[in-house]
Amino acid sequence: MKVKTLIVDDEKHCIESLKSHLKSYEFINIVGEVNSAEEALAYLQHHSVELLFLDIEMDGMDGLSLAKKVENAYPEMLIIFVTGHVGFALDGYEAHPVDFLTKPINPMRLERAMEKVKELKKEVKVIKDAKIGLNVAGGIQMILISDVLYIEKKGRKIYVCCNDGEKYDTRETMKRLEEMLAPFGFYRSHQSFLVPLQRIKAIHPDSFSRSHTIMLKGSDNPVPLSRNNYNELKGIMLKEAADLNIH
């Protein structure tokens, strides 16, 4: 496990000191360092990051404001605040950080924070395939999870579309299907669509970049991606596949 880590601090010597401490932790992969919140937001648009070491006091946007934006756009990202003033701790914890470190870094406190990161980043084993029973007219339809291309809601009807061309009209709700399929890596890309993450091959904007669509392996039908879900899905997919085509 290598945790992709970005350091955000407007003081170069603080970055160098933290990097020196982090050399002791083989599971930490420092992928970048930036000197402002604005630079951090720009970096996150194009790079996969799992952990932020975030200074609170910076010129321009401060670390607390950046943390709120990160929490909204990248809810799975871990944050460790680093600051020279203990008084910021109360406000900082509103952003649900992994930990709060004060400068200069105390190696013992850093070790405790790193243990928390390791615990949170333990890989969750996802069941690769299984059969599920769909509630359909006349009874129960058994299907393999790996056969599902996507699930679509049209009006009051919900269809499970499979790669053998079959389409099942199910009486299950989208909420129920979302809960049932979450352990198998399905994602609610839009209020009317559920897609398997492992089938996503590309995410494309429309001609005005106001909305996006998803292209799936085994299907020629583009699936809509909610504007509010774009950054979240992009972050998830960048972790999954470095060669994914995302715009």
Protein backbone atom coordinates (compact mmCIF):
# COMPACT_ATOMS: atom_id res chain seq x y z
CA MET A 1 0.00 0.00 0.00
CA LYS A 2 1.41 3.36 -1.07
CA VAL A 3 -0.59 6.38 0.06
CA LYS A 4 -0.37 9.23 -2.46
CA THR A 5 0.40 12.31 -0.39
CA LEU A 6 0.33 16.04 -1.13
CA ILE A 7 1.94 18.60 1.19
CA VAL A 8 0.39 22.07 1.27
CA ASP A 9 2.40 24.74 3.13
CA ASP A 10 3.54 28.25 2.24
CA GLU A 11 6.82 27.84 4.09
CA LYS A 12 9.50 25.89 2.21
CA HIS A 13 11.47 24.93 5.32
CA CYS A 14 8.33 23.41 6.89
CA ILE A 15 7.78 21.28 3.79
CA GLU A 16 11.38 20.08 3.86
CA SER A 17 11.16 19.27 7.57
CA LEU A 18 7.95 17.26 7.10
CA LYS A 19 9.39 15.41 4.10
CA SER A 20 12.41 14.47 6.20
CA HIS A 21 10.17 13.02 8.91
CA LEU A 22 8.02 11.14 6.39
CA LYS A 23 11.02 9.31 4.91
CA SER A 24 10.67 6.86 7.78
CA TYR A 25 7.26 5.72 6.50
CA GLU A 26 7.62 3.51 3.44
CA PHE A 27 3.87 3.47 2.77
CA ILE A 28 3.84 7.26 2.23
CA ASN A 29 4.41 8.34 -1.37
CA ILE A 30 4.84 12.12 -1.62
CA VAL A 31 3.49 12.91 -5.08
CA GLY A 32 3.62 16.70 -4.80
CA GLU A 33 4.16 19.81 -2.73
CA VAL A 34 2.49 23.20 -3.23
CA ASN A 35 2.65 26.55 -1.45
CA SER A 36 -0.98 27.68 -1.44
CA ALA A 37 -4.54 26.44 -1.27
CA GLU A 38 -5.16 27.67 -4.79
CA GLU A 39 -2.23 25.62 -6.11
CA ALA A 40 -3.53 22.60 -4.19
CA LEU A 41 -6.96 22.85 -5.84
CA ALA A 42 -5.35 23.08 -9.27
CA TYR A 43 -3.14 20.06 -8.49
CA LEU A 44 -6.08 17.96 -7.34
CA GLN A 45 -7.91 18.60 -10.62
CA HIS A 46 -5.33 16.52 -12.49
CA HIS A 47 -3.67 14.20 -9.99
CA SER A 48 -4.71 11.39 -7.70
CA VAL A 49 -4.15 12.21 -4.02
CA GLU A 50 -5.23 10.20 -0.98
CA LEU A 51 -3.69 12.18 1.89
CA LEU A 52 -3.19 15.92 2.47
CA PHE A 53 -0.76 17.41 4.96
CA LEU A 54 -2.35 20.83 5.20
CA ASP A 55 -1.02 24.00 6.81
CA ILE A 56 -3.82 26.16 8.23
CA GLU A 57 -2.26 29.63 8.11
CA MET A 58 -1.51 30.58 4.51
CA ASP A 59 -1.80 33.72 2.41
CA GLY A 60 -4.95 33.80 0.31
CA MET A 61 -7.31 30.93 1.04
CA ASP A 62 -6.46 29.37 4.40
CA GLY A 63 -6.21 25.66 5.14
CA LEU A 64 -9.60 25.42 6.84
CA SER A 65 -11.36 26.84 3.78
CA LEU A 66 -9.43 24.48 1.51
CA ALA A 67 -10.35 21.53 3.75
CA LYS A 68 -14.06 22.30 3.35
CA LYS A 69 -13.73 22.36 -0.43
CA VAL A 70 -11.75 19.11 -0.41
CA GLU A 71 -14.29 17.44 1.85
CA ASN A 72 -17.08 18.32 -0.59
CA ALA A 73 -15.23 17.45 -3.81
CA TYR A 74 -13.10 14.51 -2.58
CA PRO A 75 -14.90 12.99 0.41
CA GLU A 76 -12.57 9.97 0.62
CA MET A 77 -9.40 12.08 0.93
CA LEU A 78 -7.64 12.05 4.30
CA ILE A 79 -6.45 15.32 5.84
CA ILE A 80 -3.83 15.96 8.52
CA PHE A 81 -3.62 19.58 9.64
CA VAL A 82 -0.22 21.04 10.48
CA THR A 83 0.03 24.43 12.19
CA GLY A 84 2.14 26.51 14.51
CA HIS A 85 -0.83 27.47 16.68
CA VAL A 86 -2.66 24.98 18.89
CA GLY A 87 -5.61 27.39 19.08
CA PHE A 88 -6.72 26.43 15.58
CA ALA A 89 -7.43 22.85 16.66
CA LEU A 90 -11.10 23.38 17.53
CA ASP A 91 -11.96 24.94 14.18
CA GLY A 92 -9.80 22.41 12.37
CA TYR A 93 -11.64 19.39 13.72
CA GLU A 94 -14.86 20.61 12.11
CA ALA A 95 -13.32 19.42 8.82
CA HIS A 96 -12.99 15.83 10.19
CA PRO A 97 -9.20 15.48 9.85
CA VAL A 98 -7.30 12.29 10.62
CA ASP A 99 -5.18 14.26 13.07
CA PHE A 100 -3.90 17.70 14.02
CA LEU A 101 -0.13 18.25 14.33
CA THR A 102 1.65 21.33 15.64
CA LYS A 103 4.93 22.75 14.41
CA PRO A 104 7.68 21.81 14.97
CA ILE A 105 6.62 18.24 14.24
CA ASN A 106 6.83 15.89 17.19
CA PRO A 107 7.96 12.48 15.84
CA MET A 108 5.85 10.61 18.41
CA ARG A 109 2.70 12.52 17.42
CA LEU A 110 3.48 11.98 13.75
CA GLU A 111 3.82 8.25 14.36
CA ARG A 112 0.37 8.16 15.97
CA ALA A 113 -1.09 10.03 12.99
CA MET A 114 0.56 7.60 10.58
CA GLU A 115 -0.93 4.64 12.44
CA LYS A 116 -4.36 6.19 11.97
CA VAL A 117 -3.70 6.62 8.24
CA LYS A 118 -2.63 2.98 7.91
CA GLU A 119 -5.76 1.83 9.68
CA LEU A 120 -8.02 3.96 7.48
CA LYS A 121 -6.30 2.90 4.25
CA LYS A 122 -6.51 -0.84 4.85
CA GLU A 123 -7.83 -2.26 1.63
CA VAL A 124 -11.43 -3.37 1.76
CA LYS A 125 -11.88 -6.68 0.02
CA VAL A 126 -14.57 -6.35 -2.62
CA ILE A 127 -16.43 -9.45 -3.72
CA LYS A 128 -15.61 -9.83 -7.41
CA ASP A 129 -18.71 -11.67 -8.53
CA ALA A 130 -21.85 -13.27 -7.27
CA LYS A 131 -25.42 -13.94 -8.23
CA ILE A 132 -28.24 -11.73 -7.03
CA GLY A 133 -31.98 -12.16 -7.26
CA LEU A 134 -33.99 -9.36 -8.85
CA ASN A 135 -37.60 -8.85 -7.92
CA VAL A 136 -39.38 -8.93 -11.31
CA ALA A 137 -42.94 -9.47 -12.48
CA GLY A 138 -43.80 -13.10 -11.90
CA GLY A 139 -41.01 -13.90 -9.46
CA ILE A 140 -37.24 -13.65 -8.99
CA GLN A 141 -34.68 -13.31 -11.80
CA MET A 142 -31.15 -14.53 -10.96
CA ILE A 143 -28.28 -12.67 -12.65
CA LEU A 144 -24.50 -12.50 -12.35
CA ILE A 145 -23.14 -9.16 -11.08
CA SER A 146 -20.42 -9.29 -13.77
CA ASP A 147 -23.11 -9.40 -16.49
CA VAL A 148 -24.59 -6.01 -15.53
CA LEU A 149 -23.72 -3.16 -17.89
CA TYR A 150 -25.71 -0.48 -16.10
CA ILE A 151 -29.00 0.16 -14.37
CA GLU A 152 -31.35 2.82 -15.65
CA LYS A 153 -34.49 4.44 -14.27
CA LYS A 154 -37.03 5.58 -16.88
CA GLY A 155 -40.06 7.22 -15.39
CA ARG A 156 -41.33 4.78 -12.78
CA LYS A 157 -39.62 1.76 -14.32
CA ILE A 158 -36.13 0.51 -13.50
CA TYR A 159 -34.19 -1.61 -15.98
CA VAL A 160 -31.12 -3.75 -15.35
CA CYS A 161 -29.23 -3.86 -18.66
CA CYS A 162 -26.87 -6.80 -19.16
CA ASN A 163 -24.05 -7.54 -21.61
CA ASP A 164 -25.94 -10.42 -23.24
CA GLY A 165 -28.52 -7.95 -24.52
CA GLU A 166 -31.03 -8.85 -21.84
CA LYS A 167 -32.90 -6.05 -20.07
CA TYR A 168 -34.83 -6.83 -16.91
CA ASP A 169 -37.70 -4.68 -15.66
CA THR A 170 -37.27 -4.91 -11.90
CA ARG A 171 -39.53 -3.89 -9.06
CA GLU A 172 -36.54 -2.99 -6.87
CA THR A 173 -35.99 0.71 -6.08
CA MET A 174 -32.82 2.54 -7.15
CA LYS A 175 -31.97 3.07 -3.48
CA ARG A 176 -32.31 -0.65 -2.80
CA LEU A 177 -30.20 -1.55 -5.84
CA GLU A 178 -27.55 1.00 -4.88
CA GLU A 179 -27.28 -0.54 -1.40
CA MET A 180 -27.27 -4.08 -2.79
CA LEU A 181 -24.56 -3.39 -5.37
CA ALA A 182 -22.26 -1.05 -3.40
CA PRO A 183 -20.03 -3.96 -2.22
CA PHE A 184 -19.51 -4.90 -5.88
CA GLY A 185 -18.17 -1.48 -6.90
CA PHE A 186 -21.27 0.16 -8.39
CA TYR A 187 -21.55 3.95 -8.46
CA ARG A 188 -24.61 6.24 -8.68
CA SER A 189 -23.42 8.46 -11.54
CA HIS A 190 -26.78 10.17 -11.92
CA GLN A 191 -30.13 10.05 -10.15
CA SER A 192 -31.30 7.71 -12.92
CA PHE A 193 -28.17 5.55 -13.42
CA LEU A 194 -26.04 3.03 -11.55
CA VAL A 195 -22.80 1.87 -13.22
CA PRO A 196 -20.09 -0.69 -12.34
CA LEU A 197 -16.79 1.14 -11.80
CA GLN A 198 -14.79 -1.67 -13.42
CA ARG A 199 -16.61 -1.11 -16.72
CA ILE A 200 -15.85 2.61 -17.01
CA LYS A 201 -13.41 3.24 -19.86
CA ALA A 202 -13.78 7.00 -20.37
CA ILE A 203 -15.43 10.14 -19.02
CA HIS A 204 -16.11 12.86 -21.60
CA PRO A 205 -17.48 16.41 -21.42
CA ASP A 206 -20.09 17.71 -23.83
CA SER A 207 -19.08 20.40 -26.36
CA PHE A 208 -19.59 23.16 -23.77
CA SER A 209 -18.09 21.22 -20.81
CA ARG A 210 -21.30 21.80 -18.88
CA SER A 211 -22.00 18.11 -18.35
CA HIS A 212 -20.23 14.78 -18.75
CA THR A 213 -20.97 11.30 -19.99
CA ILE A 214 -19.48 7.91 -19.15
CA MET A 215 -18.48 5.30 -21.72
CA LEU A 216 -18.68 1.70 -20.55
CA LYS A 217 -16.90 -1.43 -21.76
CA GLY A 218 -19.37 -3.58 -23.62
CA SER A 219 -21.86 -0.78 -24.32
CA ASP A 220 -22.17 1.88 -27.03
CA ASN A 221 -24.68 3.86 -24.98
CA PRO A 222 -23.20 6.87 -23.14
CA VAL A 223 -24.40 7.18 -19.55
CA PRO A 224 -24.93 10.64 -18.00
CA LEU A 225 -22.72 11.80 -15.14
CA SER A 226 -24.18 14.35 -12.76
CA ARG A 227 -22.21 17.59 -12.64
CA ASN A 228 -22.08 17.34 -8.84
CA ASN A 229 -20.59 13.84 -9.03
CA TYR A 230 -17.84 14.57 -11.57
CA ASN A 231 -15.00 15.41 -9.17
CA GLU A 232 -15.85 12.53 -6.83
CA LEU A 233 -15.93 9.95 -9.62
CA LYS A 234 -12.80 11.39 -11.22
CA GLY A 235 -10.95 11.00 -7.92
CA ILE A 236 -12.15 7.42 -7.51
CA MET A 237 -11.17 6.45 -11.04
CA LEU A 238 -7.75 8.09 -10.95
CA LYS A 239 -6.94 5.79 -8.04
CA GLU A 240 -8.21 2.77 -9.95
CA ALA A 241 -6.49 3.22 -13.32
CA ALA A 242 -3.65 5.54 -14.29
CA ASP A 243 -4.40 5.20 -18.03
CA LEU A 244 -8.07 6.15 -17.79
CA ASN A 245 -9.18 8.76 -20.31
CA ILE A 246 -10.73 11.60 -18.25
CA HIS A 247 -11.29 15.18 -19.41
